[in-house]
């Protein structure tokens, strides 16, 4: 079990890991060893995630989410499979933790009388400055 938050835990069987060849550092090994990790997590069918978290995770994932609701995370930062695997899992955990945080509701507020007065005064000063730059009009 991978503990995400005190209320959310994901079973490791829900995560599919595939090792593929990666570009980047590795020297001669880069063409022989599959060190990059492709992590797949089925968000839409996961019993571990509450509905609200599932919805926010879909929005946060963006292009990393397939049309079938599968989240794909690729990790190729390191030279070893193990470190890339851990990096992919850590990124998944961070993404789900971010989705688990409920957004703070926006509260409408009215501008204060003083702030309105300051705004209008600044507009008047700006207008006066621009007016004084103009050539005098002949009448």
Protein backbone atom coordinates (compact mmCIF):
# COMPACT_ATOMS: atom_id res chain seq x y z
CA UNK A 1 0.00 0.00 0.00
CA UNK A 2 1.19 3.48 -0.91
CA UNK A 3 -0.05 6.01 1.65
CA UNK A 4 -1.03 9.28 -0.02
CA UNK A 5 -2.91 11.09 2.76
CA UNK A 6 -4.26 9.77 6.08
CA UNK A 7 -7.55 8.98 4.29
CA UNK A 8 -6.24 7.83 0.88
CA UNK A 9 -4.03 4.82 0.18
CA UNK A 10 -3.41 3.12 -3.15
CA UNK A 11 -2.71 -0.58 -3.55
CA UNK A 12 0.49 -1.25 -5.53
CA UNK A 13 -1.43 -3.62 -7.80
CA UNK A 14 -3.33 -0.59 -9.21
CA UNK A 15 -0.06 0.78 -10.63
CA UNK A 16 1.46 -0.72 -13.79
CA UNK A 17 5.16 -0.10 -14.38
CA UNK A 18 6.84 -0.61 -17.74
CA UNK A 19 10.57 -0.16 -18.31
CA UNK A 20 11.62 1.31 -21.67
CA UNK A 21 14.84 2.56 -23.22
CA UNK A 22 15.56 6.19 -22.47
CA UNK A 23 17.51 8.90 -24.17
CA UNK A 24 19.86 11.00 -22.14
CA UNK A 25 22.76 10.14 -19.81
CA UNK A 26 24.00 6.57 -19.58
CA UNK A 27 26.91 6.31 -22.00
CA UNK A 28 27.10 3.07 -23.94
CA UNK A 29 24.54 1.55 -21.59
CA UNK A 30 21.80 3.82 -22.90
CA UNK A 31 21.27 1.63 -25.98
CA UNK A 32 21.28 -1.65 -24.05
CA UNK A 33 19.42 -1.12 -20.79
CA UNK A 34 15.77 -0.11 -20.33
CA UNK A 35 16.05 2.35 -17.45
CA UNK A 36 13.18 4.76 -18.15
CA UNK A 37 9.92 4.02 -16.35
CA UNK A 38 6.39 4.48 -17.67
CA UNK A 39 3.92 4.40 -14.77
CA UNK A 40 0.23 3.86 -15.57
CA UNK A 41 -2.54 4.43 -13.04
CA UNK A 42 -6.21 3.96 -13.96
CA UNK A 43 -7.77 6.99 -12.28
CA UNK A 44 -11.29 6.44 -13.59
CA UNK A 45 -11.62 2.86 -12.26
CA UNK A 46 -9.57 3.18 -9.07
CA UNK A 47 -11.56 2.17 -5.96
CA UNK A 48 -9.04 3.99 -3.74
CA UNK A 49 -9.90 7.53 -4.85
CA UNK A 50 -12.96 9.52 -3.76
CA UNK A 51 -14.99 11.07 -6.58
CA UNK A 52 -14.00 14.67 -5.85
CA UNK A 53 -10.27 13.78 -5.81
CA UNK A 54 -10.71 11.80 -9.05
CA UNK A 55 -12.26 14.85 -10.75
CA UNK A 56 -9.56 17.28 -9.55
CA UNK A 57 -6.83 14.79 -10.50
CA UNK A 58 -8.22 14.65 -14.03
CA UNK A 59 -7.98 18.44 -14.29
CA UNK A 60 -4.48 18.58 -12.80
CA UNK A 61 -3.09 15.77 -14.96
CA UNK A 62 -3.92 17.53 -18.24
CA UNK A 63 -2.19 15.85 -21.19
CA UNK A 64 -0.77 13.09 -18.99
CA UNK A 65 -4.28 11.60 -18.78
CA UNK A 66 -5.49 9.44 -21.68
CA UNK A 67 -9.07 9.50 -22.96
CA UNK A 68 -9.69 6.24 -21.07
CA UNK A 69 -8.84 7.92 -17.76
CA UNK A 70 -5.37 6.37 -17.39
CA UNK A 71 -2.68 8.62 -15.93
CA UNK A 72 0.73 8.09 -17.58
CA UNK A 73 3.87 9.36 -15.86
CA UNK A 74 7.26 8.94 -17.53
CA UNK A 75 10.44 9.09 -15.46
CA UNK A 76 13.86 9.07 -17.09
CA UNK A 77 15.77 11.54 -14.95
CA UNK A 78 18.16 8.99 -13.44
CA UNK A 79 20.45 6.27 -14.82
CA UNK A 80 18.99 3.39 -12.80
CA UNK A 81 15.63 1.67 -13.05
CA UNK A 82 15.10 1.76 -9.29
CA UNK A 83 15.62 5.53 -8.93
CA UNK A 84 13.41 6.22 -11.95
CA UNK A 85 10.72 3.91 -10.53
CA UNK A 86 10.83 5.73 -7.20
CA UNK A 87 10.76 9.10 -8.99
CA UNK A 88 7.63 8.10 -10.94
CA UNK A 89 5.86 6.87 -7.79
CA UNK A 90 6.84 10.05 -5.90
CA UNK A 91 5.44 12.21 -8.70
CA UNK A 92 2.19 10.21 -8.68
CA UNK A 93 1.88 10.63 -4.91
CA UNK A 94 2.56 14.39 -5.15
CA UNK A 95 -0.06 14.78 -7.89
CA UNK A 96 -2.72 12.90 -5.91
CA UNK A 97 -1.86 14.85 -2.73
CA UNK A 98 -2.35 18.10 -4.64
CA UNK A 99 -5.69 16.83 -5.99
CA UNK A 100 -6.76 15.77 -2.48
CA UNK A 101 -6.57 19.35 -1.19
CA UNK A 102 -9.98 20.97 -1.42
CA UNK A 103 -9.81 24.36 -3.12
CA UNK A 104 -10.57 27.29 -0.88
CA UNK A 105 -13.97 28.75 -1.85
CA UNK A 106 -13.81 32.25 -3.28
CA UNK A 107 -15.70 34.83 -1.29
CA UNK A 108 -16.96 37.93 -3.05
CA UNK A 109 -16.07 41.21 -1.38
CA UNK A 110 -16.99 44.78 -2.18
CA UNK A 111 -14.29 47.42 -2.55
CA UNK A 112 -14.13 49.79 0.41
CA UNK A 113 -15.17 53.42 0.05
CA UNK A 114 -11.56 54.49 0.69
CA UNK A 115 -10.19 52.20 -2.05
CA UNK A 116 -12.75 53.58 -4.53
CA UNK A 117 -11.72 57.12 -3.59
CA UNK A 118 -7.99 56.28 -4.05
CA UNK A 119 -8.67 54.69 -7.45
CA UNK A 120 -10.65 57.70 -8.71
CA UNK A 121 -8.03 60.12 -7.39
CA UNK A 122 -5.27 58.21 -9.21
CA UNK A 123 -7.36 58.33 -12.40
CA UNK A 124 -7.80 62.08 -12.00
CA UNK A 125 -4.04 62.62 -11.51
CA UNK A 126 -3.24 60.48 -14.57
CA UNK A 127 -5.83 62.35 -16.63
CA UNK A 128 -4.43 65.71 -15.57
CA UNK A 129 -0.89 64.60 -16.42
CA UNK A 130 -1.97 63.55 -19.92
CA UNK A 131 -4.02 66.73 -20.42
CA UNK A 132 -1.03 68.95 -19.56
CA UNK A 133 1.10 67.17 -22.19
CA UNK A 134 -1.24 68.22 -24.99
CA UNK A 135 -0.60 71.38 -26.95
CA UNK A 136 -2.94 74.23 -26.00
CA UNK A 137 -6.11 74.30 -28.01
CA UNK A 138 -6.85 77.49 -29.94
CA UNK A 139 -10.35 78.86 -29.54
